Amino acid sequence: MISWIIIILAGAVIGWIASMIMGKNSSMGAIANIVVGLIGAVIGRFIATLLKMDPQGTEFSIPGILFGVIGACILLFIIGLVTKGRAAV
């Protein structure tokens, strides 16, 4: 139970930091930050694995957060490219 709470909180922090970096904070809510943070963490873990810098295990770490933020920024960038020119619904 506690591990799920930590995962959700880490996703929220990762998503929030990435939204601040990418200038999307005003258009994103808490749920969007959590989703972007969780997906960004998966992308970041993949990048870390490709660079042979993958943190071992599932423990909470600063490098894990950094790679998560990088992954979330990449995700927000791709979303921005896909939705460019579309009206917000």
N, C-alpha and C. Protein backbone atom coordinates (compact mmCIF):
# COMPACT_ATOMS: atom_id res chain seq x y z
N MET A 1 0.83 -1.20 0.00
CA MET A 1 0.00 0.00 0.00
C MET A 1 0.87 1.26 0.00
N ILE A 2 1.84 1.31 0.88
CA ILE A 2 2.71 2.49 0.98
C ILE A 2 3.49 2.67 -0.32
N SER A 3 3.93 1.56 -0.94
CA SER A 3 4.73 1.70 -2.16
C SER A 3 3.91 2.35 -3.28
N TRP A 4 2.61 2.06 -3.37
CA TRP A 4 1.76 2.71 -4.37
C TRP A 4 1.64 4.20 -4.11
N ILE A 5 1.55 4.57 -2.87
CA ILE A 5 1.47 5.99 -2.51
C ILE A 5 2.76 6.71 -2.91
N ILE A 6 3.89 6.07 -2.65
CA ILE A 6 5.18 6.66 -3.02
C ILE A 6 5.31 6.78 -4.53
N ILE A 7 4.87 5.75 -5.25
CA ILE A 7 4.93 5.79 -6.72
C ILE A 7 4.07 6.93 -7.26
N ILE A 8 2.88 7.10 -6.72
CA ILE A 8 1.99 8.17 -7.18
C ILE A 8 2.58 9.54 -6.84
N LEU A 9 3.12 9.68 -5.63
CA LEU A 9 3.73 10.95 -5.25
C LEU A 9 4.96 11.27 -6.11
N ALA A 10 5.78 10.25 -6.38
CA ALA A 10 6.96 10.46 -7.23
C ALA A 10 6.51 10.86 -8.63
N GLY A 11 5.46 10.21 -9.16
CA GLY A 11 4.94 10.57 -10.48
C GLY A 11 4.44 12.00 -10.50
N ALA A 12 3.78 12.41 -9.42
CA ALA A 12 3.28 13.79 -9.34
C ALA A 12 4.43 14.79 -9.34
N VAL A 13 5.46 14.51 -8.57
CA VAL A 13 6.61 15.42 -8.50
C VAL A 13 7.34 15.47 -9.85
N ILE A 14 7.56 14.30 -10.45
CA ILE A 14 8.24 14.24 -11.75
C ILE A 14 7.43 15.00 -12.80
N GLY A 15 6.12 14.76 -12.85
CA GLY A 15 5.26 15.44 -13.82
C GLY A 15 5.22 16.94 -13.60
N TRP A 16 5.17 17.34 -12.32
CA TRP A 16 5.12 18.78 -12.01
C TRP A 16 6.42 19.47 -12.42
N ILE A 17 7.56 18.86 -12.11
CA ILE A 17 8.85 19.46 -12.49
C ILE A 17 8.95 19.56 -14.00
N ALA A 18 8.58 18.49 -14.70
CA ALA A 18 8.65 18.50 -16.17
C ALA A 18 7.71 19.55 -16.75
N SER A 19 6.51 19.69 -16.19
CA SER A 19 5.58 20.70 -16.71
C SER A 19 6.11 22.11 -16.48
N MET A 20 6.82 22.33 -15.38
CA MET A 20 7.44 23.64 -15.13
C MET A 20 8.55 23.90 -16.15
N ILE A 21 9.38 22.89 -16.40
CA ILE A 21 10.48 23.04 -17.36
C ILE A 21 9.95 23.32 -18.76
N MET A 22 8.90 22.61 -19.14
CA MET A 22 8.36 22.71 -20.51
C MET A 22 7.33 23.84 -20.65
N GLY A 23 7.05 24.58 -19.59
CA GLY A 23 6.12 25.70 -19.66
C GLY A 23 4.67 25.28 -19.81
N LYS A 24 4.31 24.12 -19.32
CA LYS A 24 2.95 23.60 -19.45
C LYS A 24 2.21 23.57 -18.11
N ASN A 25 2.80 24.12 -17.07
CA ASN A 25 2.24 23.98 -15.73
C ASN A 25 0.84 24.57 -15.61
N SER A 26 0.59 25.68 -16.28
CA SER A 26 -0.72 26.33 -16.14
C SER A 26 -1.83 25.53 -16.82
N SER A 27 -1.49 24.68 -17.77
CA SER A 27 -2.51 23.92 -18.49
C SER A 27 -2.66 22.49 -18.00
N MET A 28 -1.92 22.11 -16.96
CA MET A 28 -1.97 20.73 -16.47
C MET A 28 -2.48 20.70 -15.04
N GLY A 29 -3.30 19.73 -14.74
CA GLY A 29 -3.79 19.53 -13.38
C GLY A 29 -3.00 18.43 -12.68
N ALA A 30 -3.43 18.10 -11.49
CA ALA A 30 -2.72 17.10 -10.69
C ALA A 30 -2.72 15.73 -11.34
N ILE A 31 -3.86 15.31 -11.88
CA ILE A 31 -3.94 13.99 -12.50
C ILE A 31 -3.04 13.93 -13.73
N ALA A 32 -3.04 14.98 -14.54
CA ALA A 32 -2.18 15.02 -15.73
C ALA A 32 -0.71 14.96 -15.31
N ASN A 33 -0.34 15.67 -14.24
CA ASN A 33 1.04 15.63 -13.76
C ASN A 33 1.43 14.21 -13.34
N ILE A 34 0.53 13.53 -12.64
CA ILE A 34 0.81 12.16 -12.20
C ILE A 34 1.00 11.24 -13.40
N VAL A 35 0.08 11.32 -14.36
CA VAL A 35 0.16 10.45 -15.55
C VAL A 35 1.43 10.73 -16.34
N VAL A 36 1.71 12.00 -16.58
CA VAL A 36 2.93 12.37 -17.32
C VAL A 36 4.17 11.92 -16.54
N GLY A 37 4.15 12.07 -15.24
CA GLY A 37 5.29 11.65 -14.43
C GLY A 37 5.51 10.16 -14.46
N LEU A 38 4.45 9.38 -14.39
CA LEU A 38 4.58 7.92 -14.42
C LEU A 38 5.06 7.43 -15.78
N ILE A 39 4.47 7.96 -16.85
CA ILE A 39 4.91 7.57 -18.19
C ILE A 39 6.33 8.08 -18.45
N GLY A 40 6.63 9.27 -17.98
CA GLY A 40 7.97 9.83 -18.12
C GLY A 40 9.01 8.99 -17.39
N ALA A 41 8.64 8.43 -16.25
CA ALA A 41 9.57 7.58 -15.51
C ALA A 41 9.90 6.31 -16.31
N VAL A 42 8.90 5.78 -16.99
CA VAL A 42 9.13 4.60 -17.83
C VAL A 42 10.06 4.96 -19.00
N ILE A 43 9.80 6.09 -19.63
CA ILE A 43 10.65 6.55 -20.73
C ILE A 43 12.07 6.81 -20.22
N GLY A 44 12.18 7.47 -19.08
CA GLY A 44 13.48 7.76 -18.49
C GLY A 44 14.25 6.50 -18.13
N ARG A 45 13.55 5.50 -17.62
CA ARG A 45 14.20 4.21 -17.28
C ARG A 45 14.72 3.55 -18.55
N PHE A 46 13.94 3.64 -19.64
CA PHE A 46 14.38 3.08 -20.92
C PHE A 46 15.64 3.79 -21.41
N ILE A 47 15.66 5.11 -21.32
CA ILE A 47 16.84 5.89 -21.74
C ILE A 47 18.04 5.53 -20.88
N ALA A 48 17.83 5.42 -19.58
CA ALA A 48 18.93 5.07 -18.67
C ALA A 48 19.48 3.69 -19.01
N THR A 49 18.61 2.76 -19.37
CA THR A 49 19.05 1.42 -19.75
C THR A 49 19.88 1.47 -21.04
N LEU A 50 19.43 2.27 -22.02
CA LEU A 50 20.19 2.41 -23.26
C LEU A 50 21.58 2.99 -23.02
N LEU A 51 21.66 3.91 -22.06
CA LEU A 51 22.94 4.55 -21.74
C LEU A 51 23.76 3.74 -20.73
N LYS A 52 23.26 2.57 -20.37
CA LYS A 52 23.89 1.68 -19.38
C LYS A 52 24.08 2.39 -18.04
N MET A 53 23.12 3.25 -17.70
CA MET A 53 23.13 3.97 -16.43
C MET A 53 21.91 3.61 -15.61
N ASP A 54 21.28 2.49 -15.93
CA ASP A 54 20.04 2.08 -15.30
C ASP A 54 20.25 1.83 -13.81
N PRO A 55 19.53 2.57 -12.94
CA PRO A 55 19.64 2.31 -11.52
C PRO A 55 19.06 0.92 -11.21
N GLN A 56 19.77 0.17 -10.41
CA GLN A 56 19.33 -1.18 -10.07
C GLN A 56 18.18 -1.14 -9.07
N GLY A 57 17.24 -2.05 -9.25
CA GLY A 57 16.13 -2.15 -8.31
C GLY A 57 15.08 -1.09 -8.55
N THR A 58 14.17 -1.00 -7.60
CA THR A 58 13.06 -0.06 -7.74
C THR A 58 13.09 1.00 -6.64
N GLU A 59 14.21 1.13 -5.95
CA GLU A 59 14.26 2.09 -4.86
C GLU A 59 14.22 3.53 -5.37
N PHE A 60 13.77 4.39 -4.51
CA PHE A 60 13.65 5.82 -4.80
C PHE A 60 15.05 6.42 -4.81
N SER A 61 15.42 7.12 -5.88
CA SER A 61 16.76 7.69 -5.96
C SER A 61 16.73 9.00 -6.76
N ILE A 62 17.72 9.82 -6.51
CA ILE A 62 17.85 11.09 -7.24
C ILE A 62 18.08 10.83 -8.73
N PRO A 63 19.00 9.92 -9.13
CA PRO A 63 19.14 9.64 -10.57
C PRO A 63 17.84 9.14 -11.19
N GLY A 64 17.07 8.36 -10.45
CA GLY A 64 15.78 7.89 -10.96
C GLY A 64 14.83 9.04 -11.22
N ILE A 65 14.79 10.00 -10.30
CA ILE A 65 13.95 11.19 -10.48
C ILE A 65 14.43 12.00 -11.67
N LEU A 66 15.74 12.18 -11.80
CA LEU A 66 16.28 12.96 -12.92
C LEU A 66 15.94 12.33 -14.26
N PHE A 67 16.12 11.01 -14.36
CA PHE A 67 15.77 10.34 -15.61
C PHE A 67 14.26 10.39 -15.84
N GLY A 68 13.47 10.34 -14.79
CA GLY A 68 12.03 10.47 -14.92
C GLY A 68 11.63 11.83 -15.46
N VAL A 69 12.28 12.88 -14.96
CA VAL A 69 12.00 14.24 -15.43
C VAL A 69 12.40 14.37 -16.91
N ILE A 70 13.54 13.81 -17.26
CA ILE A 70 13.97 13.86 -18.67
C ILE A 70 12.95 13.14 -19.55
N GLY A 71 12.51 11.96 -19.11
CA GLY A 71 11.51 11.21 -19.87
C GLY A 71 10.20 11.96 -19.97
N ALA A 72 9.77 12.60 -18.88
CA ALA A 72 8.52 13.37 -18.90
C ALA A 72 8.63 14.58 -19.81
N CYS A 73 9.79 15.23 -19.84
CA CYS A 73 9.98 16.37 -20.75
C CYS A 73 9.91 15.90 -22.20
N ILE A 74 10.51 14.75 -22.49
CA ILE A 74 10.42 14.20 -23.84
C ILE A 74 8.97 13.91 -24.20
N LEU A 75 8.23 13.32 -23.26
CA LEU A 75 6.82 13.03 -23.49
C LEU A 75 6.03 14.31 -23.77
N LEU A 76 6.24 15.34 -22.96
CA LEU A 76 5.53 16.61 -23.17
C LEU A 76 5.91 17.25 -24.50
N PHE A 77 7.16 17.12 -24.89
CA PHE A 77 7.60 17.65 -26.18
C PHE A 77 6.88 16.94 -27.33
N ILE A 78 6.81 15.61 -27.25
CA ILE A 78 6.12 14.83 -28.30
C ILE A 78 4.63 15.17 -28.32
N ILE A 79 4.02 15.29 -27.15
CA ILE A 79 2.60 15.66 -27.10
C ILE A 79 2.40 17.04 -27.72
N GLY A 80 3.32 17.96 -27.46
CA GLY A 80 3.24 19.30 -28.05
C GLY A 80 3.34 19.26 -29.56
N LEU A 81 4.19 18.40 -30.10
CA LEU A 81 4.31 18.27 -31.56
C LEU A 81 3.04 17.70 -32.17
N VAL A 82 2.46 16.70 -31.50
CA VAL A 82 1.27 16.04 -32.03
C VAL A 82 0.06 16.97 -31.97
N THR A 83 -0.07 17.74 -30.90
CA THR A 83 -1.24 18.60 -30.73
C THR A 83 -1.05 20.01 -31.25
N LYS A 84 0.08 20.30 -31.86
CA LYS A 84 0.36 21.64 -32.36
C LYS A 84 -0.68 22.04 -33.40
N GLY A 85 -1.27 23.17 -33.21
CA GLY A 85 -2.26 23.68 -34.15
C GLY A 85 -3.68 23.19 -33.88
N ARG A 86 -3.84 22.29 -32.93
CA ARG A 86 -5.18 21.81 -32.59
C ARG A 86 -5.74 22.67 -31.47
N ALA A 87 -7.02 22.90 -31.53
CA ALA A 87 -7.69 23.67 -30.47
C ALA A 87 -7.87 22.79 -29.25
N ALA A 88 -7.73 23.36 -28.09
CA ALA A 88 -7.95 22.61 -26.84
C ALA A 88 -9.43 22.29 -26.70
N VAL A 89 -9.70 21.10 -26.31
CA VAL A 89 -11.10 20.67 -26.17
C VAL A 89 -11.51 20.79 -24.73
